[in-house]
C-alpha cells in the first residue's frame, strides 16, 4: 500500500490522544512532556520488533497451541507492555508534573498510543488490496488502537494509585495485569490457526467475539478508573487550596 495512504492510519491514535487530553482537561499535563512520551512510544516499536524477532527464535513449533500462547503473552504482550512501563518510568515517573493519580493513566495511555500509531501504519503498509486496507483499518481503529491505550492505561492507574495512596499492585502488578489483558486479546486471534487445524472452527470463530467484548469492557473499566482518579485528585487539590 502507498505510504501516504498508510499514514492515514495515524488518525485513530491521534484521535484517541485528543480524547485523553479531554479527560485531563481540568489540570492538563505539559504539552512537551506528552509529546515526548508519545514519540518514545512510537520509537519503541524498533526495539520491540528486535526483541520479538529474538524471542521467536526460541518459540515452540508452529502451528500449535503452545506457539500461539507464547507469541501472545511473551512475544507480543510481554515485550510491548514492558516498553510502555519503561517509558513511563524513565520519562515521567520522577518528574514534578507527575503529581496526580490521573497522570498515570494519561502518560501510560499516551505511550501506548504512540506505539499503536506506528504499528497501525506498518500493518496498513503490509496490505496489498484496497479491501484488505479497509478491513485492516476499520478493525485496528476499533480494536487494536484503543486496546493499546486501555492496557497501558490500566497499568498506569495501578502504578499511580500505589504511588499516591500506598495501595494496589503498583507498577509491576499493573504491568502483569496489562500483559494478561493484552495477551488474552492476542491469544483469541493466534489460537485460531491451531483450532482450525484440529477442526474446531466454531471455537476459533467464537473467540473472535472476545475481541470487541474485551475492548468495550476494558474501555468502560478504564473510564471508571479515570473517574475515580480524578475525584481523588480533585479532593486533594481542594484540600491543598484551602
Protein backbone atom coordinates (compact mmCIF):
# COMPACT_ATOMS: atom_id res chain seq x y z
CA UNK A 1 0.00 0.00 0.00
CA UNK A 2 1.18 3.54 -0.75
CA UNK A 3 2.84 5.33 2.17
CA UNK A 4 0.63 8.48 2.05
CA UNK A 5 -2.49 6.33 2.30
CA UNK A 6 -0.99 4.16 5.03
CA UNK A 7 -0.10 7.27 7.02
CA UNK A 8 -3.80 7.95 7.47
CA UNK A 9 -3.56 5.03 9.90
CA UNK A 10 -2.14 7.53 12.39
CA UNK A 11 -5.53 9.23 12.70
CA UNK A 12 -7.19 6.76 15.13
CA UNK A 13 -4.28 7.04 17.57
CA UNK A 14 -4.24 10.84 17.27
CA UNK A 15 -7.99 10.95 17.88
CA UNK A 16 -7.55 8.78 20.99
CA UNK A 17 -4.80 11.10 22.25
CA UNK A 18 -7.21 14.01 21.86
CA UNK A 19 -9.81 12.07 23.87
CA UNK A 20 -7.41 11.50 26.75
CA UNK A 21 -6.45 15.18 26.65
CA UNK A 22 -10.13 15.99 27.15
CA UNK A 23 -10.28 13.61 30.12
CA UNK A 24 -7.37 15.54 31.66
CA UNK A 25 -8.72 18.98 30.74
CA UNK A 26 -9.00 20.31 34.31
CA UNK A 27 -5.29 20.27 35.07
CA UNK A 28 -3.63 19.29 31.77
CA UNK A 29 -0.13 17.93 31.51
CA UNK A 30 2.63 19.93 29.75
CA UNK A 31 2.33 19.50 26.00
CA UNK A 32 6.03 18.83 25.50
CA UNK A 33 6.05 16.08 28.12
CA UNK A 34 3.07 14.44 26.43
CA UNK A 35 4.82 14.68 23.05
CA UNK A 36 7.99 13.14 24.45
CA UNK A 37 6.04 10.19 25.80
CA UNK A 38 4.17 9.70 22.52
CA UNK A 39 7.40 9.92 20.49
CA UNK A 40 9.08 7.43 22.82
CA UNK A 41 6.12 5.10 22.38
CA UNK A 42 6.44 5.39 18.61
CA UNK A 43 10.19 4.75 18.66
CA UNK A 44 9.76 1.78 21.00
CA UNK A 45 8.39 -0.20 18.05
CA UNK A 46 12.01 -0.65 16.89
CA UNK A 47 13.43 -2.39 20.00
CA UNK A 48 10.13 -4.26 20.40
CA UNK A 49 10.47 -5.65 16.88
CA UNK A 50 14.07 -6.65 17.57
CA UNK A 51 13.13 -8.34 20.86
CA UNK A 52 10.22 -10.14 19.22
CA UNK A 53 12.49 -11.44 16.46
CA UNK A 54 14.94 -12.77 19.04
CA UNK A 55 12.22 -14.36 21.17
CA UNK A 56 10.68 -16.08 18.17
CA UNK A 57 13.93 -17.99 17.72
CA UNK A 58 13.03 -19.86 20.93
CA UNK A 59 9.35 -20.26 20.10
CA UNK A 60 7.63 -23.67 20.00
CA UNK A 61 6.91 -25.08 16.54
CA UNK A 62 4.03 -23.59 14.57
CA UNK A 63 1.15 -24.03 14.28
CA UNK A 64 0.47 -25.17 17.83
CA UNK A 65 -1.37 -24.03 20.93
CA UNK A 66 1.96 -23.56 22.70
CA UNK A 67 3.25 -21.32 19.91
CA UNK A 68 0.05 -19.24 19.92
CA UNK A 69 0.20 -18.65 23.67
CA UNK A 70 3.94 -17.94 23.59
CA UNK A 71 3.51 -15.35 20.86
CA UNK A 72 0.51 -13.80 22.63
CA UNK A 73 1.80 -13.46 26.20
CA UNK A 74 5.59 -13.32 25.75
CA UNK A 75 6.48 -12.03 22.29
CA UNK A 76 3.66 -9.51 21.90
CA UNK A 77 2.16 -8.58 25.27
CA UNK A 78 5.23 -9.13 27.44
CA UNK A 79 7.56 -7.10 25.26
CA UNK A 80 5.20 -4.31 24.23
CA UNK A 81 3.77 -3.63 27.69
CA UNK A 82 7.28 -3.64 29.13
CA UNK A 83 8.23 -0.91 26.66
CA UNK A 84 5.31 1.23 27.86
CA UNK A 85 6.22 0.67 31.52
CA UNK A 86 9.82 1.69 30.89
CA UNK A 87 8.76 4.82 29.02
CA UNK A 88 6.57 5.94 31.92
CA UNK A 89 9.24 5.10 34.47
CA UNK A 90 12.17 6.71 32.64
CA UNK A 91 10.47 9.80 31.22
CA UNK A 92 7.85 10.95 33.74
CA UNK A 93 7.85 8.91 36.96
CA UNK A 94 10.23 11.24 38.79
CA UNK A 95 9.18 14.49 37.11
CA UNK A 96 7.29 17.12 39.13
CA UNK A 97 4.39 17.20 36.65
CA UNK A 98 3.53 13.60 37.57
CA UNK A 99 1.67 14.86 40.64
CA UNK A 100 -1.78 13.27 40.33
CA UNK A 101 -3.33 9.84 40.08
CA UNK A 102 -4.91 10.59 36.71
CA UNK A 103 -1.45 11.34 35.32
CA UNK A 104 -0.63 7.63 35.50
CA UNK A 105 -3.44 6.86 33.07
CA UNK A 106 -2.72 9.84 30.81
CA UNK A 107 1.00 9.21 30.38
CA UNK A 108 0.75 5.43 30.08
CA UNK A 109 -2.07 5.66 27.54
CA UNK A 110 -0.06 8.23 25.57
CA UNK A 111 2.88 5.81 25.42
CA UNK A 112 0.55 3.04 24.27
CA UNK A 113 -0.97 5.24 21.58
CA UNK A 114 2.44 6.32 20.32
CA UNK A 115 3.25 2.65 19.86
CA UNK A 116 -0.15 1.94 18.28
CA UNK A 117 0.26 4.81 15.80
CA UNK A 118 3.40 3.35 14.24
CA UNK A 119 2.19 -0.24 14.46
CA UNK A 120 -1.03 0.72 12.70
CA UNK A 121 0.79 2.40 9.82
CA UNK A 122 3.06 -0.63 9.41
CA UNK A 123 0.11 -3.02 9.30
CA UNK A 124 -1.57 -0.87 6.66
CA UNK A 125 1.60 -0.71 4.60
CA UNK A 126 1.61 -4.51 4.51
CA UNK A 127 -1.83 -4.72 2.88
CA UNK A 128 -1.89 -5.20 -0.89
CA UNK A 129 -5.54 -4.57 -1.80
CA UNK A 130 -7.98 -1.77 -1.05
CA UNK A 131 -10.36 -4.27 0.53
CA UNK A 132 -7.62 -5.56 2.81
CA UNK A 133 -6.65 -1.98 3.62
CA UNK A 134 -10.23 -1.03 4.53
CA UNK A 135 -10.81 -4.11 6.69
CA UNK A 136 -7.46 -3.72 8.47
CA UNK A 137 -8.06 -0.01 9.01
CA UNK A 138 -11.51 -0.49 10.49
CA UNK A 139 -10.64 -3.41 12.76
CA UNK A 140 -7.48 -1.83 14.11
CA UNK A 141 -9.11 1.57 14.60
CA UNK A 142 -11.91 0.00 16.63
CA UNK A 143 -9.94 -2.71 18.47
CA UNK A 144 -6.13 -2.67 18.46
CA UNK A 145 -5.56 1.09 18.80
CA UNK A 146 -7.91 1.58 21.79
CA UNK A 147 -6.60 -1.72 23.15
CA UNK A 148 -3.07 -0.37 23.42
CA UNK A 149 -4.37 2.67 25.31
CA UNK A 150 -6.53 0.54 27.62
CA UNK A 151 -3.83 -1.99 28.53
CA UNK A 152 -1.28 0.72 29.25
CA UNK A 153 -3.84 2.95 30.98
CA UNK A 154 -4.78 0.20 33.42
CA UNK A 155 -1.10 -0.26 34.25
CA UNK A 156 -0.71 3.49 34.74
CA UNK A 157 -3.71 3.66 37.04
CA UNK A 158 -2.48 0.97 39.39
CA UNK A 159 1.02 2.41 39.37
CA UNK A 160 -0.31 5.85 40.33
CA UNK A 161 -2.70 4.53 43.00
CA UNK A 162 0.20 2.72 44.61
CA UNK A 163 2.35 5.83 44.44
CA UNK A 164 -0.16 8.26 45.92
CA UNK A 165 -2.36 6.05 48.12
CA UNK A 166 0.04 3.21 49.00
CA UNK A 167 -2.48 0.57 47.92
CA UNK A 168 -2.85 -1.73 44.96
CA UNK A 169 -0.43 -3.76 42.85
CA UNK A 170 1.73 -0.84 41.75
CA UNK A 171 3.89 -0.56 38.65
CA UNK A 172 4.93 -4.22 38.47
CA UNK A 173 1.47 -5.54 39.28
CA UNK A 174 -0.04 -3.15 36.75
CA UNK A 175 2.40 -4.40 34.15
CA UNK A 176 1.45 -8.02 34.81
CA UNK A 177 -2.24 -7.17 34.52
CA UNK A 178 -1.61 -5.33 31.25
CA UNK A 179 0.24 -8.40 29.93
CA UNK A 180 -2.68 -10.61 30.96
CA UNK A 181 -5.22 -8.39 29.20
CA UNK A 182 -3.11 -7.82 26.09
CA UNK A 183 -2.03 -11.46 25.88
CA UNK A 184 -5.60 -12.71 26.22
CA UNK A 185 -6.68 -10.43 23.38
CA UNK A 186 -3.89 -11.69 21.11
CA UNK A 187 -4.48 -15.31 22.11
CA UNK A 188 -8.06 -15.06 20.86
CA UNK A 189 -6.53 -14.33 17.43
CA UNK A 190 -3.44 -16.55 17.42
CA UNK A 191 -5.27 -19.64 18.69
CA UNK A 192 -7.44 -19.56 15.60
CA UNK A 193 -5.00 -21.42 13.35
CA UNK A 194 -4.30 -24.44 15.60
CA UNK A 195 -8.00 -24.65 16.46
CA UNK A 196 -8.96 -24.75 12.79
CA UNK A 197 -6.26 -27.33 12.14
CA UNK A 198 -8.00 -29.55 14.70
CA UNK A 199 -11.42 -29.00 13.10
CA UNK A 200 -12.50 -26.70 15.90
CA UNK A 201 -13.61 -23.87 13.65
CA UNK A 202 -16.60 -22.96 15.81
CA UNK A 203 -14.37 -22.31 18.81
CA UNK A 204 -11.92 -20.34 16.68
CA UNK A 205 -14.67 -18.10 15.33
CA UNK A 206 -16.29 -17.86 18.74
CA UNK A 207 -13.07 -16.49 20.21
CA UNK A 208 -13.26 -13.57 17.80
CA UNK A 209 -16.29 -12.25 19.72
CA UNK A 210 -13.93 -11.91 22.69
CA UNK A 211 -12.08 -9.11 20.89
CA UNK A 212 -14.79 -6.41 20.86
CA UNK A 213 -16.06 -7.60 24.24
CA UNK A 214 -12.69 -7.12 25.91
CA UNK A 215 -12.22 -3.68 24.33
CA UNK A 216 -15.69 -2.50 25.37
CA UNK A 217 -15.36 -3.87 28.91
CA UNK A 218 -11.78 -2.63 29.22
CA UNK A 219 -12.74 0.81 27.98
CA UNK A 220 -15.59 1.07 30.48
CA UNK A 221 -13.32 -0.13 33.28
CA UNK A 222 -10.61 2.40 32.37
CA UNK A 223 -13.20 5.16 32.23
CA UNK A 224 -14.30 4.25 35.75
CA UNK A 225 -10.66 4.22 36.89
CA UNK A 226 -10.16 7.67 35.38
CA UNK A 227 -13.26 8.98 37.17
CA UNK A 228 -12.03 7.54 40.46
CA UNK A 229 -8.56 9.00 40.00
CA UNK A 230 -9.95 12.40 39.03
CA UNK A 231 -12.30 12.51 42.02
CA UNK A 232 -9.45 11.76 44.42
CA UNK A 233 -7.20 14.28 42.69
CA UNK A 234 -9.93 16.93 42.90
CA UNK A 235 -10.35 16.21 46.61
CA UNK A 236 -6.60 16.58 47.19
CA UNK A 237 -6.48 19.74 45.10
CA UNK A 238 -9.36 21.26 47.04
CA UNK A 239 -7.77 20.38 50.38
CA UNK A 240 -4.45 21.97 49.37
CA UNK A 241 -6.10 25.14 48.12
CA UNK A 242 -7.96 25.75 51.41
